[in-house]
Amino acid sequence: MISQDCESVDIVNDLVRKIRIKESQLKIAQESNLIYTSAALESQILELRFKLSQSQDPELDALMSLLDD
């Protein structure tokens, strides 16, 4: 049970890290006027956020609320 919780937290942390990286890349692409790159990154961010929202874990919901802040 504890190892499942650790795996769940690791997965969430990895997804959050990937989202933050993609958001940074998106900002750079937008500042550089890279329209197609920006669109691709926005799509990837949406996909990662969807994956993150798939879990109904209360701890995940708490982590998601931190992203919103």
PDB file of N, CA and C in Angstrom:
ATOM      1  N   MET A   1       0.817  -1.187   0.000  1.00  0.00           N
ATOM      2  CA  MET A   1       0.000   0.000   0.000  1.00  0.00           C
ATOM      3  C   MET A   1       0.867   1.260   0.000  1.00  0.00           C
ATOM      4  N   ILE A   2       1.862   1.280   0.849  1.00  0.00           N
ATOM      5  CA  ILE A   2       2.734   2.451   0.919  1.00  0.00           C
ATOM      6  C   ILE A   2       3.495   2.617  -0.387  1.00  0.00           C
ATOM      7  N   SER A   3       3.941   1.507  -0.972  1.00  0.00           N
ATOM      8  CA  SER A   3       4.686   1.612  -2.227  1.00  0.00           C
ATOM      9  C   SER A   3       3.792   2.124  -3.345  1.00  0.00           C
ATOM     10  N   GLN A   4       2.492   1.767  -3.323  1.00  0.00           N
ATOM     11  CA  GLN A   4       1.560   2.294  -4.312  1.00  0.00           C
ATOM     12  C   GLN A   4       1.418   3.797  -4.149  1.00  0.00           C
ATOM     13  N   ASP A   5       1.329   4.262  -2.918  1.00  0.00           N
ATOM     14  CA  ASP A   5       1.225   5.697  -2.661  1.00  0.00           C
ATOM     15  C   ASP A   5       2.465   6.425  -3.159  1.00  0.00           C
ATOM     16  N   CYS A   6       3.636   5.836  -2.914  1.00  0.00           N
ATOM     17  CA  CYS A   6       4.887   6.445  -3.375  1.00  0.00           C
ATOM     18  C   CYS A   6       4.927   6.502  -4.890  1.00  0.00           C
ATOM     19  N   GLU A   7       4.489   5.417  -5.543  1.00  0.00           N
ATOM     20  CA  GLU A   7       4.461   5.399  -7.007  1.00  0.00           C
ATOM     21  C   GLU A   7       3.498   6.453  -7.534  1.00  0.00           C
ATOM     22  N   SER A   8       2.351   6.574  -6.895  1.00  0.00           N
ATOM     23  CA  SER A   8       1.360   7.559  -7.308  1.00  0.00           C
ATOM     24  C   SER A   8       1.912   8.972  -7.185  1.00  0.00           C
ATOM     25  N   VAL A   9       2.574   9.237  -6.079  1.00  0.00           N
ATOM     26  CA  VAL A   9       3.168  10.557  -5.866  1.00  0.00           C
ATOM     27  C   VAL A   9       4.271  10.804  -6.890  1.00  0.00           C
ATOM     28  N   ASP A  10       5.079   9.784  -7.181  1.00  0.00           N
ATOM     29  CA  ASP A  10       6.143   9.929  -8.175  1.00  0.00           C
ATOM     30  C   ASP A  10       5.569  10.228  -9.555  1.00  0.00           C
ATOM     31  N   ILE A  11       4.494   9.554  -9.899  1.00  0.00           N
ATOM     32  CA  ILE A  11       3.853   9.785 -11.201  1.00  0.00           C
ATOM     33  C   ILE A  11       3.316  11.206 -11.272  1.00  0.00           C
ATOM     34  N   VAL A  12       2.653  11.633 -10.216  1.00  0.00           N
ATOM     35  CA  VAL A  12       2.109  12.996 -10.174  1.00  0.00           C
ATOM     36  C   VAL A  12       3.231  14.019 -10.265  1.00  0.00           C
ATOM     37  N   ASN A  13       4.278  13.809  -9.491  1.00  0.00           N
ATOM     38  CA  ASN A  13       5.412  14.739  -9.518  1.00  0.00           C
ATOM     39  C   ASN A  13       6.023  14.816 -10.910  1.00  0.00           C
ATOM     40  N   ASP A  14       6.132  13.674 -11.575  1.00  0.00           N
ATOM     41  CA  ASP A  14       6.695  13.641 -12.924  1.00  0.00           C
ATOM     42  C   ASP A  14       5.804  14.407 -13.898  1.00  0.00           C
ATOM     43  N   LEU A  15       4.500  14.201 -13.804  1.00  0.00           N
ATOM     44  CA  LEU A  15       3.576  14.923 -14.689  1.00  0.00           C
ATOM     45  C   LEU A  15       3.612  16.426 -14.429  1.00  0.00           C
ATOM     46  N   VAL A  16       3.654  16.808 -13.171  1.00  0.00           N
ATOM     47  CA  VAL A  16       3.722  18.236 -12.827  1.00  0.00           C
ATOM     48  C   VAL A  16       5.012  18.845 -13.364  1.00  0.00           C
ATOM     49  N   ARG A  17       6.112  18.115 -13.223  1.00  0.00           N
ATOM     50  CA  ARG A  17       7.403  18.600 -13.742  1.00  0.00           C
ATOM     51  C   ARG A  17       7.339  18.770 -15.254  1.00  0.00           C
ATOM     52  N   LYS A  18       6.761  17.798 -15.947  1.00  0.00           N
ATOM     53  CA  LYS A  18       6.647  17.878 -17.406  1.00  0.00           C
ATOM     54  C   LYS A  18       5.775  19.052 -17.828  1.00  0.00           C
ATOM     55  N   ILE A  19       4.693  19.280 -17.093  1.00  0.00           N
ATOM     56  CA  ILE A  19       3.808  20.405 -17.418  1.00  0.00           C
ATOM     57  C   ILE A  19       4.551  21.727 -17.257  1.00  0.00           C
ATOM     58  N   ARG A  20       5.281  21.858 -16.177  1.00  0.00           N
ATOM     59  CA  ARG A  20       6.029  23.109 -15.956  1.00  0.00           C
ATOM     60  C   ARG A  20       7.077  23.342 -17.044  1.00  0.00           C
ATOM     61  N   ILE A  21       7.749  22.279 -17.452  1.00  0.00           N
ATOM     62  CA  ILE A  21       8.741  22.398 -18.525  1.00  0.00           C
ATOM     63  C   ILE A  21       8.069  22.830 -19.817  1.00  0.00           C
ATOM     64  N   LYS A  22       6.948  22.186 -20.147  1.00  0.00           N
ATOM     65  CA  LYS A  22       6.228  22.529 -21.381  1.00  0.00           C
ATOM     66  C   LYS A  22       5.717  23.962 -21.326  1.00  0.00           C
ATOM     67  N   GLU A  23       5.267  24.410 -20.150  1.00  0.00           N
ATOM     68  CA  GLU A  23       4.797  25.791 -20.021  1.00  0.00           C
ATOM     69  C   GLU A  23       5.941  26.781 -20.243  1.00  0.00           C
ATOM     70  N   SER A  24       7.118  26.448 -19.757  1.00  0.00           N
ATOM     71  CA  SER A  24       8.290  27.306 -19.993  1.00  0.00           C
ATOM     72  C   SER A  24       8.646  27.334 -21.473  1.00  0.00           C
ATOM     73  N   GLN A  25       8.602  26.168 -22.097  1.00  0.00           N
ATOM     74  CA  GLN A  25       8.887  26.088 -23.528  1.00  0.00           C
ATOM     75  C   GLN A  25       7.850  26.870 -24.330  1.00  0.00           C
ATOM     76  N   LEU A  26       6.588  26.786 -23.903  1.00  0.00           N
ATOM     77  CA  LEU A  26       5.518  27.514 -24.584  1.00  0.00           C
ATOM     78  C   LEU A  26       5.746  29.018 -24.500  1.00  0.00           C
ATOM     79  N   LYS A  27       6.127  29.484 -23.346  1.00  0.00           N
ATOM     80  CA  LYS A  27       6.381  30.912 -23.175  1.00  0.00           C
ATOM     81  C   LYS A  27       7.487  31.380 -24.128  1.00  0.00           C
ATOM     82  N   ILE A  28       8.547  30.604 -24.221  1.00  0.00           N
ATOM     83  CA  ILE A  28       9.649  30.939 -25.124  1.00  0.00           C
ATOM     84  C   ILE A  28       9.179  30.924 -26.576  1.00  0.00           C
ATOM     85  N   ALA A  29       8.397  29.901 -26.932  1.00  0.00           N
ATOM     86  CA  ALA A  29       7.901  29.792 -28.304  1.00  0.00           C
ATOM     87  C   ALA A  29       6.990  30.969 -28.651  1.00  0.00           C
ATOM     88  N   GLN A  30       6.140  31.366 -27.704  1.00  0.00           N
ATOM     89  CA  GLN A  30       5.258  32.504 -27.952  1.00  0.00           C
ATOM     90  C   GLN A  30       6.037  33.803 -28.093  1.00  0.00           C
ATOM     91  N   GLU A  31       7.049  33.981 -27.260  1.00  0.00           N
ATOM     92  CA  GLU A  31       7.875  35.191 -27.346  1.00  0.00           C
ATOM     93  C   GLU A  31       8.666  35.238 -28.650  1.00  0.00           C
ATOM     94  N   SER A  32       8.975  34.053 -29.188  1.00  0.00           N
ATOM     95  CA  SER A  32       9.735  33.966 -30.441  1.00  0.00           C
ATOM     96  C   SER A  32       8.821  33.912 -31.662  1.00  0.00           C
ATOM     97  N   ASN A  33       7.507  34.008 -31.421  1.00  0.00           N
ATOM     98  CA  ASN A  33       6.516  33.989 -32.490  1.00  0.00           C
ATOM     99  C   ASN A  33       6.560  32.693 -33.306  1.00  0.00           C
ATOM    100  N   LEU A  34       6.765  31.582 -32.616  1.00  0.00           N
ATOM    101  CA  LEU A  34       6.769  30.266 -33.250  1.00  0.00           C
ATOM    102  C   LEU A  34       5.367  29.669 -33.128  1.00  0.00           C
ATOM    103  N   ILE A  35       4.531  29.992 -34.092  1.00  0.00           N
ATOM    104  CA  ILE A  35       3.110  29.677 -34.019  1.00  0.00           C
ATOM    105  C   ILE A  35       2.855  28.174 -33.950  1.00  0.00           C
ATOM    106  N   TYR A  36       3.464  27.403 -34.835  1.00  0.00           N
ATOM    107  CA  TYR A  36       3.216  25.960 -34.878  1.00  0.00           C
ATOM    108  C   TYR A  36       3.785  25.252 -33.649  1.00  0.00           C
ATOM    109  N   THR A  37       4.929  25.711 -33.213  1.00  0.00           N
ATOM    110  CA  THR A  37       5.531  25.140 -32.000  1.00  0.00           C
ATOM    111  C   THR A  37       4.657  25.440 -30.796  1.00  0.00           C
ATOM    112  N   SER A  38       4.146  26.658 -30.725  1.00  0.00           N
ATOM    113  CA  SER A  38       3.257  27.038 -29.617  1.00  0.00           C
ATOM    114  C   SER A  38       2.006  26.168 -29.609  1.00  0.00           C
ATOM    115  N   ALA A  39       1.430  25.945 -30.772  1.00  0.00           N
ATOM    116  CA  ALA A  39       0.218  25.125 -30.861  1.00  0.00           C
ATOM    117  C   ALA A  39       0.505  23.691 -30.420  1.00  0.00           C
ATOM    118  N   ALA A  40       1.638  23.155 -30.845  1.00  0.00           N
ATOM    119  CA  ALA A  40       2.003  21.791 -30.457  1.00  0.00           C
ATOM    120  C   ALA A  40       2.224  21.689 -28.953  1.00  0.00           C
ATOM    121  N   LEU A  41       2.889  22.670 -28.389  1.00  0.00           N
ATOM    122  CA  LEU A  41       3.136  22.667 -26.946  1.00  0.00           C
ATOM    123  C   LEU A  41       1.839  22.809 -26.153  1.00  0.00           C
ATOM    124  N   GLU A  42       0.932  23.646 -26.621  1.00  0.00           N
ATOM    125  CA  GLU A  42      -0.364  23.787 -25.950  1.00  0.00           C
ATOM    126  C   GLU A  42      -1.110  22.458 -25.948  1.00  0.00           C
ATOM    127  N   SER A  43      -1.054  21.755 -27.060  1.00  0.00           N
ATOM    128  CA  SER A  43      -1.691  20.445 -27.159  1.00  0.00           C
ATOM    129  C   SER A  43      -1.057  19.447 -26.185  1.00  0.00           C
ATOM    130  N   GLN A  44       0.261  19.462 -26.102  1.00  0.00           N
ATOM    131  CA  GLN A  44       0.969  18.561 -25.187  1.00  0.00           C
ATOM    132  C   GLN A  44       0.637  18.879 -23.730  1.00  0.00           C
ATOM    133  N   ILE A  45       0.527  20.165 -23.409  1.00  0.00           N
ATOM    134  CA  ILE A  45       0.179  20.568 -22.045  1.00  0.00           C
ATOM    135  C   ILE A  45      -1.228  20.088 -21.692  1.00  0.00           C
ATOM    136  N   LEU A  46      -2.157  20.238 -22.617  1.00  0.00           N
ATOM    137  CA  LEU A  46      -3.523  19.765 -22.373  1.00  0.00           C
ATOM    138  C   LEU A  46      -3.549  18.256 -22.143  1.00  0.00           C
ATOM    139  N   GLU A  47      -2.783  17.531 -22.928  1.00  0.00           N
ATOM    140  CA  GLU A  47      -2.719  16.076 -22.775  1.00  0.00           C
ATOM    141  C   GLU A  47      -2.141  15.690 -21.405  1.00  0.00           C
ATOM    142  N   LEU A  48      -1.083  16.362 -20.993  1.00  0.00           N
ATOM    143  CA  LEU A  48      -0.485  16.073 -19.690  1.00  0.00           C
ATOM    144  C   LEU A  48      -1.438  16.423 -18.552  1.00  0.00           C
ATOM    145  N   ARG A  49      -2.139  17.526 -18.680  1.00  0.00           N
ATOM    146  CA  ARG A  49      -3.114  17.911 -17.649  1.00  0.00           C
ATOM    147  C   ARG A  49      -4.261  16.905 -17.584  1.00  0.00           C
ATOM    148  N   PHE A  50      -4.666  16.395 -18.743  1.00  0.00           N
ATOM    149  CA  PHE A  50      -5.713  15.375 -18.769  1.00  0.00           C
ATOM    150  C   PHE A  50      -5.241  14.117 -18.043  1.00  0.00           C
ATOM    151  N   LYS A  51      -4.020  13.683 -18.316  1.00  0.00           N
ATOM    152  CA  LYS A  51      -3.463  12.521 -17.628  1.00  0.00           C
ATOM    153  C   LYS A  51      -3.422  12.741 -16.124  1.00  0.00           C
ATOM    154  N   LEU A  52      -3.074  13.945 -15.750  1.00  0.00           N
ATOM    155  CA  LEU A  52      -2.989  14.285 -14.332  1.00  0.00           C
ATOM    156  C   LEU A  52      -4.365  14.243 -13.674  1.00  0.00           C
ATOM    157  N   SER A  53      -5.381  14.637 -14.408  1.00  0.00           N
ATOM    158  CA  SER A  53      -6.731  14.683 -13.851  1.00  0.00           C
ATOM    159  C   SER A  53      -7.414  13.318 -13.835  1.00  0.00           C
ATOM    160  N   GLN A  54      -6.840  12.320 -14.492  1.00  0.00           N
ATOM    161  CA  GLN A  54      -7.447  10.995 -14.563  1.00  0.00           C
ATOM    162  C   GLN A  54      -7.547  10.309 -13.213  1.00  0.00           C
ATOM    163  N   SER A  55      -6.636  10.577 -12.347  1.00  0.00           N
ATOM    164  CA  SER A  55      -6.645   9.935 -11.048  1.00  0.00           C
ATOM    165  C   SER A  55      -7.646  10.637 -10.138  1.00  0.00           C
ATOM    166  N   GLN A  56      -8.388   9.861  -9.385  1.00  0.00           N
ATOM    167  CA  GLN A  56      -9.361  10.430  -8.450  1.00  0.00           C
ATOM    168  C   GLN A  56      -8.814  10.427  -7.024  1.00  0.00           C
ATOM    169  N   ASP A  57      -7.521  10.418  -6.900  1.00  0.00           N
ATOM    170  CA  ASP A  57      -6.844  10.387  -5.614  1.00  0.00           C
ATOM    171  C   ASP A  57      -6.979  11.750  -4.926  1.00  0.00           C
ATOM    172  N   PRO A  58      -7.408  11.781  -3.665  1.00  0.00           N
ATOM    173  CA  PRO A  58      -7.543  13.073  -2.962  1.00  0.00           C
ATOM    174  C   PRO A  58      -6.220  13.827  -2.853  1.00  0.00           C
ATOM    175  N   GLU A  59      -5.113  13.087  -2.711  1.00  0.00           N
ATOM    176  CA  GLU A  59      -3.816  13.758  -2.657  1.00  0.00           C
ATOM    177  C   GLU A  59      -3.496  14.414  -3.988  1.00  0.00           C
ATOM    178  N   LEU A  60      -3.892  13.769  -5.058  1.00  0.00           N
ATOM    179  CA  LEU A  60      -3.690  14.342  -6.382  1.00  0.00           C
ATOM    180  C   LEU A  60      -4.505  15.624  -6.525  1.00  0.00           C
ATOM    181  N   ASP A  61      -5.725  15.607  -6.041  1.00  0.00           N
ATOM    182  CA  ASP A  61      -6.552  16.812  -6.108  1.00  0.00           C
ATOM    183  C   ASP A  61      -5.893  17.964  -5.353  1.00  0.00           C
ATOM    184  N   ALA A  62      -5.267  17.646  -4.233  1.00  0.00           N
ATOM    185  CA  ALA A  62      -4.574  18.672  -3.472  1.00  0.00           C
ATOM    186  C   ALA A  62      -3.389  19.228  -4.262  1.00  0.00           C
ATOM    187  N   LEU A  63      -2.649  18.341  -4.927  1.00  0.00           N
ATOM    188  CA  LEU A  63      -1.514  18.787  -5.743  1.00  0.00           C
ATOM    189  C   LEU A  63      -1.993  19.613  -6.932  1.00  0.00           C
ATOM    190  N   MET A  64      -3.111  19.216  -7.531  1.00  0.00           N
ATOM    191  CA  MET A  64      -3.654  19.971  -8.658  1.00  0.00           C
ATOM    192  C   MET A  64      -4.041  21.379  -8.228  1.00  0.00           C
ATOM    193  N   SER A  65      -4.572  21.504  -7.008  1.00  0.00           N
ATOM    194  CA  SER A  65      -4.943  22.833  -6.543  1.00  0.00           C
ATOM    195  C   SER A  65      -3.716  23.713  -6.348  1.00  0.00           C
ATOM    196  N   LEU A  66      -2.584  23.096  -6.044  1.00  0.00           N
ATOM    197  CA  LEU A  66      -1.344  23.872  -5.938  1.00  0.00           C
ATOM    198  C   LEU A  66      -0.916  24.403  -7.294  1.00  0.00           C
ATOM    199  N   LEU A  67      -1.161  23.643  -8.357  1.00  0.00           N
ATOM    200  CA  LEU A  67      -0.835  24.099  -9.717  1.00  0.00           C
ATOM    201  C   LEU A  67      -1.660  25.331 -10.078  1.00  0.00           C
ATOM    202  N   ASP A  68      -2.907  25.341  -9.632  1.00  0.00           N
ATOM    203  CA  ASP A  68      -3.783  26.463  -9.954  1.00  0.00           C
ATOM    204  C   ASP A  68      -3.337  27.749  -9.273  1.00  0.00           C
ATOM    205  N   ASP A  69      -2.658  27.597  -8.125  1.00  0.00           N
ATOM    206  CA  ASP A  69      -2.190  28.779  -7.393  1.00  0.00           C
ATOM    207  C   ASP A  69      -0.978  29.311  -8.058  1.00  0.00           C
TER     208      ASP A  69
END
